[in-house]
PDB file of all heavy atoms in Angstrom:
ATOM      1  N   LEU A   1      -9.720  -0.652  -9.681  1.00  0.00           N
ATOM      2  CA  LEU A   1     -11.208  -0.275  -9.739  1.00  0.00           C
ATOM      3  C   LEU A   1     -11.451   1.222  -9.611  1.00  0.00           C
ATOM      4  O   LEU A   1     -12.621   1.700 -10.184  1.00  0.00           O
ATOM      5  CB  LEU A   1     -11.859  -0.971  -8.546  1.00  0.00           C
ATOM      6  CG  LEU A   1     -12.294  -2.578  -8.713  1.00  0.00           C
ATOM      7  CD1 LEU A   1     -12.854  -3.105  -7.548  1.00  0.00           C
ATOM      8  CD2 LEU A   1     -13.172  -2.689  -9.918  1.00  0.00           C
ATOM      9  N   MET A   2     -10.620   1.993  -9.068  1.00  0.00           N
ATOM     10  CA  MET A   2     -10.832   3.478  -9.045  1.00  0.00           C
ATOM     11  C   MET A   2     -10.244   4.210 -10.231  1.00  0.00           C
ATOM     12  O   MET A   2     -10.234   5.336 -10.206  1.00  0.00           O
ATOM     13  CB  MET A   2     -10.280   4.016  -7.673  1.00  0.00           C
ATOM     14  CG  MET A   2     -10.873   3.430  -6.443  1.00  0.00           C
ATOM     15  SD  MET A   2     -12.577   3.803  -6.219  1.00  0.00           S
ATOM     16  CE  MET A   2     -13.502   2.447  -6.874  1.00  0.00           C
ATOM     17  N   GLY A   3      -9.781   3.533 -11.095  1.00  0.00           N
ATOM     18  CA  GLY A   3      -9.099   4.137 -12.418  1.00  0.00           C
ATOM     19  C   GLY A   3     -10.115   4.680 -13.189  1.00  0.00           C
ATOM     20  O   GLY A   3     -11.424   4.431 -13.260  1.00  0.00           O
ATOM     21  N   ASP A   4      -9.808   5.676 -14.081  1.00  0.00           N
ATOM     22  CA  ASP A   4     -10.680   6.527 -14.896  1.00  0.00           C
ATOM     23  C   ASP A   4     -11.094   5.927 -16.155  1.00  0.00           C
ATOM     24  O   ASP A   4     -11.832   6.499 -16.996  1.00  0.00           O
ATOM     25  CB  ASP A   4     -10.080   7.858 -15.142  1.00  0.00           C
ATOM     26  CG  ASP A   4      -9.959   8.715 -13.877  1.00  0.00           C
ATOM     27  OD1 ASP A   4     -10.722   8.560 -12.991  1.00  0.00           O
ATOM     28  OD2 ASP A   4      -8.994   9.645 -13.868  1.00  0.00           O
ATOM     29  N   SER A   5     -10.497   4.776 -16.500  1.00  0.00           N
ATOM     30  CA  SER A   5     -10.970   3.917 -17.691  1.00  0.00           C
ATOM     31  C   SER A   5     -10.840   2.498 -17.405  1.00  0.00           C
ATOM     32  O   SER A   5     -10.092   2.119 -16.446  1.00  0.00           O
ATOM     33  CB  SER A   5     -10.397   4.358 -19.015  1.00  0.00           C
ATOM     34  OG  SER A   5      -8.927   4.050 -18.993  1.00  0.00           O
ATOM     35  N   ILE A   6     -11.196   1.585 -18.265  1.00  0.00           N
ATOM     36  CA  ILE A   6     -11.100   0.111 -18.056  1.00  0.00           C
ATOM     37  C   ILE A   6      -9.679  -0.282 -17.835  1.00  0.00           C
ATOM     38  O   ILE A   6      -9.326  -1.050 -16.985  1.00  0.00           O
ATOM     39  CB  ILE A   6     -11.739  -0.607 -19.135  1.00  0.00           C
ATOM     40  CG1 ILE A   6     -13.313  -0.594 -18.881  1.00  0.00           C
ATOM     41  CG2 ILE A   6     -11.433  -2.171 -19.093  1.00  0.00           C
ATOM     42  CD1 ILE A   6     -13.903  -1.482 -17.775  1.00  0.00           C
ATOM     43  N   GLY A   7      -8.808   0.281 -18.510  1.00  0.00           N
ATOM     44  CA  GLY A   7      -7.443  -0.133 -18.548  1.00  0.00           C
ATOM     45  C   GLY A   7      -6.485   0.652 -17.698  1.00  0.00           C
ATOM     46  O   GLY A   7      -5.273   0.629 -17.822  1.00  0.00           O
ATOM     47  N   GLU A   8      -7.008   1.579 -16.953  1.00  0.00           N
ATOM     48  CA  GLU A   8      -6.313   2.552 -16.049  1.00  0.00           C
ATOM     49  C   GLU A   8      -6.540   2.303 -14.652  1.00  0.00           C
ATOM     50  O   GLU A   8      -7.436   1.742 -14.169  1.00  0.00           O
ATOM     51  CB  GLU A   8      -6.582   3.988 -16.405  1.00  0.00           C
ATOM     52  CG  GLU A   8      -6.246   4.451 -17.755  1.00  0.00           C
ATOM     53  CD  GLU A   8      -6.490   5.964 -17.866  1.00  0.00           C
ATOM     54  OE1 GLU A   8      -7.648   6.238 -17.999  1.00  0.00           O
ATOM     55  OE2 GLU A   8      -5.605   6.737 -17.980  1.00  0.00           O
ATOM     56  N   SER A   9      -5.422   2.604 -13.882  1.00  0.00           N
ATOM     57  CA  SER A   9      -5.608   2.683 -12.416  1.00  0.00           C
ATOM     58  C   SER A   9      -5.629   4.072 -11.903  1.00  0.00           C
ATOM     59  O   SER A   9      -4.957   4.917 -12.624  1.00  0.00           O
ATOM     60  CB  SER A   9      -4.460   1.969 -11.760  1.00  0.00           C
ATOM     61  OG  SER A   9      -4.672   0.431 -12.066  1.00  0.00           O
ATOM     62  N   ALA A  10      -6.246   4.399 -10.709  1.00  0.00           N
ATOM     63  CA  ALA A  10      -5.873   5.591 -10.031  1.00  0.00           C
ATOM     64  C   ALA A  10      -4.371   5.423  -9.343  1.00  0.00           C
ATOM     65  O   ALA A  10      -3.868   4.265  -9.304  1.00  0.00           O
ATOM     66  CB  ALA A  10      -6.891   5.656  -8.919  1.00  0.00           C
ATOM     67  N   PHE A  11      -3.861   6.498  -8.915  1.00  0.00           N
ATOM     68  CA  PHE A  11      -2.481   6.578  -8.495  1.00  0.00           C
ATOM     69  C   PHE A  11      -2.499   7.113  -7.070  1.00  0.00           C
ATOM     70  O   PHE A  11      -3.334   8.145  -6.840  1.00  0.00           O
ATOM     71  CB  PHE A  11      -1.514   7.166  -9.401  1.00  0.00           C
ATOM     72  CG  PHE A  11      -1.030   6.270 -10.446  1.00  0.00           C
ATOM     73  CD1 PHE A  11      -1.930   5.966 -11.631  1.00  0.00           C
ATOM     74  CD2 PHE A  11       0.145   5.527 -10.461  1.00  0.00           C
ATOM     75  CE1 PHE A  11      -1.424   5.042 -12.603  1.00  0.00           C
ATOM     76  CE2 PHE A  11       0.649   4.738 -11.516  1.00  0.00           C
ATOM     77  CZ  PHE A  11      -0.188   4.499 -12.608  1.00  0.00           C
ATOM     78  N   PRO A  12      -1.446   6.874  -6.243  1.00  0.00           N
ATOM     79  CA  PRO A  12      -1.416   7.503  -4.941  1.00  0.00           C
ATOM     80  C   PRO A  12      -0.911   8.961  -5.058  1.00  0.00           C
ATOM     81  O   PRO A  12       0.125   9.126  -5.769  1.00  0.00           O
ATOM     82  CB  PRO A  12      -0.448   6.622  -4.226  1.00  0.00           C
ATOM     83  CG  PRO A  12       0.502   6.027  -5.255  1.00  0.00           C
ATOM     84  CD  PRO A  12      -0.478   5.817  -6.411  1.00  0.00           C
ATOM     85  N   SER A  13      -1.523   9.783  -4.310  1.00  0.00           N
ATOM     86  CA  SER A  13      -1.043  11.136  -4.291  1.00  0.00           C
ATOM     87  C   SER A  13      -0.562  11.501  -2.886  1.00  0.00           C
ATOM     88  O   SER A  13       0.484  12.324  -2.647  1.00  0.00           O
ATOM     89  CB  SER A  13      -2.116  12.167  -4.721  1.00  0.00           C
ATOM     90  OG  SER A  13      -3.157  12.084  -3.819  1.00  0.00           O
ATOM     91  N   LYS A  14      -1.090  10.832  -1.856  1.00  0.00           N
ATOM     92  CA  LYS A  14      -0.579  11.011  -0.512  1.00  0.00           C
ATOM     93  C   LYS A  14      -0.690   9.649   0.210  1.00  0.00           C
ATOM     94  O   LYS A  14      -1.793   8.937  -0.037  1.00  0.00           O
ATOM     95  CB  LYS A  14      -1.449  12.053   0.244  1.00  0.00           C
ATOM     96  CG  LYS A  14      -1.354  13.462  -0.248  1.00  0.00           C
ATOM     97  CD  LYS A  14      -2.206  14.397   0.527  1.00  0.00           C
ATOM     98  CE  LYS A  14      -2.129  15.941  -0.011  1.00  0.00           C
ATOM     99  NZ  LYS A  14      -0.693  16.279  -0.148  1.00  0.00           N
ATOM    100  N   ILE A  15       0.197   9.387   1.049  1.00  0.00           N
ATOM    101  CA  ILE A  15       0.139   7.938   1.846  1.00  0.00           C
ATOM    102  C   ILE A  15       0.582   8.281   3.215  1.00  0.00           C
ATOM    103  O   ILE A  15       1.507   9.046   3.431  1.00  0.00           O
ATOM    104  CB  ILE A  15       1.230   6.973   1.170  1.00  0.00           C
ATOM    105  CG1 ILE A  15       0.868   6.782  -0.352  1.00  0.00           C
ATOM    106  CG2 ILE A  15       1.238   5.749   1.951  1.00  0.00           C
ATOM    107  CD1 ILE A  15       1.966   5.926  -0.951  1.00  0.00           C
ATOM    108  N   LYS A  16      -0.065   7.593   3.958  1.00  0.00           N
ATOM    109  CA  LYS A  16       0.327   7.521   5.533  1.00  0.00           C
ATOM    110  C   LYS A  16       0.283   6.065   6.007  1.00  0.00           C
ATOM    111  O   LYS A  16      -0.691   5.508   5.881  1.00  0.00           O
ATOM    112  CB  LYS A  16      -0.701   8.446   6.387  1.00  0.00           C
ATOM    113  CG  LYS A  16      -0.320   8.389   7.834  1.00  0.00           C
ATOM    114  CD  LYS A  16      -1.275   9.237   8.669  1.00  0.00           C
ATOM    115  CE  LYS A  16      -1.081   9.105  10.211  1.00  0.00           C
ATOM    116  NZ  LYS A  16       0.145   9.654  10.680  1.00  0.00           N
ATOM    117  N   ALA A  17       1.471   5.482   6.134  1.00  0.00           N
ATOM    118  CA  ALA A  17       1.518   4.046   6.326  1.00  0.00           C
ATOM    119  C   ALA A  17       2.267   3.628   7.518  1.00  0.00           C
ATOM    120  O   ALA A  17       3.065   4.342   8.093  1.00  0.00           O
ATOM    121  CB  ALA A  17       2.144   3.379   5.099  1.00  0.00           C
ATOM    122  N   GLU A  18       2.030   2.285   7.947  1.00  0.00           N
ATOM    123  CA  GLU A  18       2.720   1.782   9.053  1.00  0.00           C
ATOM    124  C   GLU A  18       3.156   0.386   8.705  1.00  0.00           C
ATOM    125  O   GLU A  18       2.370  -0.284   7.999  1.00  0.00           O
ATOM    126  CB  GLU A  18       1.728   1.718  10.292  1.00  0.00           C
ATOM    127  CG  GLU A  18       1.229   3.076  10.738  1.00  0.00           C
ATOM    128  CD  GLU A  18       0.260   2.978  11.945  1.00  0.00           C
ATOM    129  OE1 GLU A  18       0.155   1.962  12.558  1.00  0.00           O
ATOM    130  OE2 GLU A  18      -0.485   3.875  12.081  1.00  0.00           O
ATOM    131  N   MET A  19       4.518   0.043   8.790  1.00  0.00           N
ATOM    132  CA  MET A  19       5.001  -1.302   8.535  1.00  0.00           C
ATOM    133  C   MET A  19       5.605  -1.959   9.689  1.00  0.00           C
ATOM    134  O   MET A  19       6.404  -1.266  10.394  1.00  0.00           O
ATOM    135  CB  MET A  19       6.121  -1.053   7.357  1.00  0.00           C
ATOM    136  CG  MET A  19       5.567  -0.254   6.161  1.00  0.00           C
ATOM    137  SD  MET A  19       6.671   1.036   5.452  1.00  0.00           S
ATOM    138  CE  MET A  19       8.144  -0.054   5.083  1.00  0.00           C
ATOM    139  N   TYR A  20       5.291  -3.205   9.966  1.00  0.00           N
ATOM    140  CA  TYR A  20       5.638  -3.895  11.206  1.00  0.00           C
ATOM    141  C   TYR A  20       6.190  -5.251  10.675  1.00  0.00           C
ATOM    142  O   TYR A  20       5.946  -5.912   9.753  1.00  0.00           O
ATOM    143  CB  TYR A  20       4.454  -4.069  12.078  1.00  0.00           C
ATOM    144  CG  TYR A  20       3.840  -2.742  12.563  1.00  0.00           C
ATOM    145  CD1 TYR A  20       2.808  -2.280  11.951  1.00  0.00           C
ATOM    146  CD2 TYR A  20       4.357  -2.146  13.637  1.00  0.00           C
ATOM    147  CE1 TYR A  20       2.128  -1.061  12.296  1.00  0.00           C
ATOM    148  CE2 TYR A  20       3.801  -0.876  14.042  1.00  0.00           C
ATOM    149  CZ  TYR A  20       2.687  -0.408  13.405  1.00  0.00           C
ATOM    150  OH  TYR A  20       2.102   0.748  13.843  1.00  0.00           O
ATOM    151  N   ARG A  21       7.082  -5.847  11.742  1.00  0.00           N
ATOM    152  CA  ARG A  21       7.619  -6.926  11.483  1.00  0.00           C
ATOM    153  C   ARG A  21       7.597  -7.884  12.613  1.00  0.00           C
ATOM    154  O   ARG A  21       7.941  -7.466  13.798  1.00  0.00           O
ATOM    155  CB  ARG A  21       9.112  -6.837  11.028  1.00  0.00           C
ATOM    156  CG  ARG A  21      10.022  -8.144  10.831  1.00  0.00           C
ATOM    157  CD  ARG A  21      11.279  -7.811  10.372  1.00  0.00           C
ATOM    158  NE  ARG A  21      11.936  -6.902  11.165  1.00  0.00           N
ATOM    159  CZ  ARG A  21      12.674  -5.904  10.677  1.00  0.00           C
ATOM    160  NH1 ARG A  21      12.838  -5.656   9.293  1.00  0.00           N
ATOM    161  NH2 ARG A  21      13.244  -4.995  11.452  1.00  0.00           N
ATOM    162  N   ALA A  22       7.025  -9.106  12.659  1.00  0.00           N
ATOM    163  CA  ALA A  22       7.034 -10.124  13.766  1.00  0.00           C
ATOM    164  C   ALA A  22       7.907 -11.323  13.327  1.00  0.00           C
ATOM    165  O   ALA A  22       8.540 -11.756  14.317  1.00  0.00           O
ATOM    166  CB  ALA A  22       5.534 -10.635  13.833  1.00  0.00           C
ATOM    167  N   ASN A  23       7.985 -11.608  12.105  1.00  0.00           N
ATOM    168  CA  ASN A  23       8.857 -12.745  11.778  1.00  0.00           C
ATOM    169  C   ASN A  23      10.318 -12.339  11.666  1.00  0.00           C
ATOM    170  O   ASN A  23      10.614 -11.166  11.540  1.00  0.00           O
ATOM    171  CB  ASN A  23       8.443 -13.357  10.457  1.00  0.00           C
ATOM    172  CG  ASN A  23       6.998 -14.251  10.726  1.00  0.00           C
ATOM    173  OD1 ASN A  23       7.113 -15.430  10.956  1.00  0.00           O
ATOM    174  ND2 ASN A  23       5.951 -13.534  10.393  1.00  0.00           N
ATOM    175  N   GLU A  24      11.162 -13.353  11.616  1.00  0.00           N
ATOM    176  CA  GLU A  24      12.554 -12.977  11.587  1.00  0.00           C
ATOM    177  C   GLU A  24      13.026 -12.953  10.055  1.00  0.00           C
ATOM    178  O   GLU A  24      13.625 -13.840   9.537  1.00  0.00           O
ATOM    179  CB  GLU A  24      13.501 -14.247  12.306  1.00  0.00           C
ATOM    180  CG  GLU A  24      13.184 -14.157  13.792  1.00  0.00           C
ATOM    181  CD  GLU A  24      13.793 -15.320  14.580  1.00  0.00           C
ATOM    182  OE1 GLU A  24      14.577 -15.982  13.788  1.00  0.00           O
ATOM    183  OE2 GLU A  24      13.583 -15.514  15.625  1.00  0.00           O
ATOM    184  N   ILE A  25      12.545 -11.814   9.482  1.00  0.00           N
ATOM    185  CA  ILE A  25      12.863 -11.634   8.062  1.00  0.00           C
ATOM    186  C   ILE A  25      13.433 -10.066   7.916  1.00  0.00           C
ATOM    187  O   ILE A  25      13.466  -9.334   8.860  1.00  0.00           O
ATOM    188  CB  ILE A  25      11.561 -11.654   7.220  1.00  0.00           C
ATOM    189  CG1 ILE A  25      10.519 -10.726   7.867  1.00  0.00           C
ATOM    190  CG2 ILE A  25      11.087 -13.165   7.126  1.00  0.00           C
ATOM    191  CD1 ILE A  25       9.157 -10.733   6.959  1.00  0.00           C
ATOM    192  N   GLU A  26      13.896  -9.788   6.677  1.00  0.00           N
ATOM    193  CA  GLU A  26      14.382  -8.408   6.526  1.00  0.00           C
ATOM    194  C   GLU A  26      13.297  -7.307   6.383  1.00  0.00           C
ATOM    195  O   GLU A  26      13.297  -6.298   6.979  1.00  0.00           O
ATOM    196  CB  GLU A  26      15.177  -8.411   5.243  1.00  0.00           C
ATOM    197  CG  GLU A  26      16.552  -8.987   5.345  1.00  0.00           C
ATOM    198  CD  GLU A  26      17.343  -8.918   4.154  1.00  0.00           C
ATOM    199  OE1 GLU A  26      16.910  -8.221   3.168  1.00  0.00           O
ATOM    200  OE2 GLU A  26      18.503  -9.338   4.161  1.00  0.00           O
ATOM    201  N   ASN A  27      12.265  -7.713   5.611  1.00  0.00           N
ATOM    202  CA  ASN A  27      11.222  -6.790   5.282  1.00  0.00           C
ATOM    203  C   ASN A  27       9.899  -7.039   6.198  1.00  0.00           C
ATOM    204  O   ASN A  27      10.029  -7.659   7.279  1.00  0.00           O
ATOM    205  CB  ASN A  27      10.705  -6.976   3.819  1.00  0.00           C
ATOM    206  CG  ASN A  27      10.431  -5.651   3.133  1.00  0.00           C
ATOM    207  OD1 ASN A  27      10.622  -4.493   3.779  1.00  0.00           O
ATOM    208  ND2 ASN A  27      10.024  -5.682   1.952  1.00  0.00           N
ATOM    209  N   TYR A  28       8.997  -6.321   5.979  1.00  0.00           N
ATOM    210  CA  TYR A  28       7.733  -6.294   6.970  1.00  0.00           C
ATOM    211  C   TYR A  28       6.709  -7.334   6.473  1.00  0.00           C
ATOM    212  O   TYR A  28       6.566  -7.752   5.340  1.00  0.00           O
ATOM    213  CB  TYR A  28       7.117  -5.010   6.861  1.00  0.00           C
ATOM    214  CG  TYR A  28       6.686  -4.386   5.424  1.00  0.00           C
ATOM    215  CD1 TYR A  28       5.490  -4.526   4.976  1.00  0.00           C
ATOM    216  CD2 TYR A  28       7.688  -3.580   4.816  1.00  0.00           C
ATOM    217  CE1 TYR A  28       5.190  -4.196   3.670  1.00  0.00           C
ATOM    218  CE2 TYR A  28       7.386  -3.131   3.546  1.00  0.00           C
ATOM    219  CZ  TYR A  28       6.119  -3.359   2.972  1.00  0.00           C
ATOM    220  OH  TYR A  28       5.741  -2.951   1.751  1.00  0.00           O
ATOM    221  N   ASP A  29       5.999  -7.946   7.553  1.00  0.00           N
ATOM    222  CA  ASP A  29       4.958  -8.850   7.409  1.00  0.00           C
ATOM    223  C   ASP A  29       3.602  -8.256   7.627  1.00  0.00           C
ATOM    224  O   ASP A  29       2.504  -9.099   7.556  1.00  0.00           O
ATOM    225  CB  ASP A  29       5.200 -10.172   8.075  1.00  0.00           C
ATOM    226  CG  ASP A  29       5.494  -9.767   9.626  1.00  0.00           C
ATOM    227  OD1 ASP A  29       4.921  -8.994  10.181  1.00  0.00           O
ATOM    228  OD2 ASP A  29       6.394 -10.597  10.194  1.00  0.00           O
ATOM    229  N   THR A  30       3.575  -7.026   8.090  1.00  0.00           N
ATOM    230  CA  THR A  30       2.356  -6.447   8.368  1.00  0.00           C
ATOM    231  C   THR A  30       2.366  -4.997   7.888  1.00  0.00           C
ATOM    232  O   THR A  30       3.274  -4.302   7.981  1.00  0.00           O
ATOM    233  CB  THR A  30       2.068  -6.363   9.981  1.00  0.00           C
ATOM    234  OG1 THR A  30       2.174  -7.670  10.430  1.00  0.00           O
ATOM    235  CG2 THR A  30       0.767  -5.686  10.378  1.00  0.00           C
ATOM    236  N   PHE A  31       1.278  -4.700   7.117  1.00  0.00           N
ATOM    237  CA  PHE A  31       1.285  -3.368   6.520  1.00  0.00           C
ATOM    238  C   PHE A  31      -0.091  -2.721   6.607  1.00  0.00           C
ATOM    239  O   PHE A  31      -1.143  -3.476   6.272  1.00  0.00           O
ATOM    240  CB  PHE A  31       1.620  -3.546   4.953  1.00  0.00           C
ATOM    241  CG  PHE A  31       1.660  -2.310   4.060  1.00  0.00           C
ATOM    242  CD1 PHE A  31       2.705  -1.411   4.100  1.00  0.00           C
ATOM    243  CD2 PHE A  31       0.446  -2.045   3.330  1.00  0.00           C
ATOM    244  CE1 PHE A  31       2.581  -0.300   3.404  1.00  0.00           C
ATOM    245  CE2 PHE A  31       0.515  -0.847   2.503  1.00  0.00           C
ATOM    246  CZ  PHE A  31       1.617   0.033   2.583  1.00  0.00           C
ATOM    247  N   MET A  32      -0.174  -1.396   6.912  1.00  0.00           N
ATOM    248  CA  MET A  32      -1.504  -0.723   7.029  1.00  0.00           C
ATOM    249  C   MET A  32      -1.226   0.730   6.398  1.00  0.00           C
ATOM    250  O   MET A  32      -0.156   1.296   6.622  1.00  0.00           O
ATOM    251  CB  MET A  32      -1.886  -0.449   8.469  1.00  0.00           C
ATOM    252  CG  MET A  32      -2.226  -1.729   9.321  1.00  0.00           C
ATOM    253  SD  MET A  32      -0.774  -2.322  10.148  1.00  0.00           S
ATOM    254  CE  MET A  32      -1.629  -3.488  11.247  1.00  0.00           C
ATOM    255  N   ALA A  33      -2.156   1.132   5.581  1.00  0.00           N
ATOM    256  CA  ALA A  33      -1.955   2.494   4.852  1.00  0.00           C
ATOM    257  C   ALA A  33      -3.292   3.131   4.645  1.00  0.00           C
ATOM    258  O   ALA A  33      -4.301   2.596   4.193  1.00  0.00           O
ATOM    259  CB  ALA A  33      -1.230   2.270   3.511  1.00  0.00           C
ATOM    260  N   LYS A  34      -3.231   4.556   4.822  1.00  0.00           N
ATOM    261  CA  LYS A  34      -4.264   5.369   4.320  1.00  0.00           C
ATOM    262  C   LYS A  34      -3.741   5.900   2.955  1.00  0.00           C
ATOM    263  O   LYS A  34      -2.612   6.628   3.151  1.00  0.00           O
ATOM    264  CB  LYS A  34      -4.572   6.376   5.308  1.00  0.00           C
ATOM    265  CG  LYS A  34      -5.580   5.828   6.430  1.00  0.00           C
ATOM    266  CD  LYS A  34      -6.037   6.949   7.200  1.00  0.00           C
ATOM    267  CE  LYS A  34      -7.251   6.553   8.311  1.00  0.00           C
ATOM    268  NZ  LYS A  34      -7.663   7.598   9.084  1.00  0.00           N
ATOM    269  N   ILE A  35      -4.411   5.961   1.955  1.00  0.00           N
ATOM    270  CA  ILE A  35      -3.840   6.516   0.677  1.00  0.00           C
ATOM    271  C   ILE A  35      -4.905   7.537   0.084  1.00  0.00           C
ATOM    272  O   ILE A  35      -6.071   7.078   0.013  1.00  0.00           O
ATOM    273  CB  ILE A  35      -3.545   5.298  -0.366  1.00  0.00           C
ATOM    274  CG1 ILE A  35      -2.580   4.468   0.213  1.00  0.00           C
ATOM    275  CG2 ILE A  35      -3.060   5.977  -1.610  1.00  0.00           C
ATOM    276  CD1 ILE A  35      -2.462   3.151  -0.507  1.00  0.00           C
TER     277      ILE A  35
END
């Protein structure tokens, strides 16, 4: 929705994120990010 034309997207230039895991899995099940 933030892209500069109908068929385009904006892209991340800076990210500050937090990734957490509660379940018994390899990857994360909770994700928070400022972009």
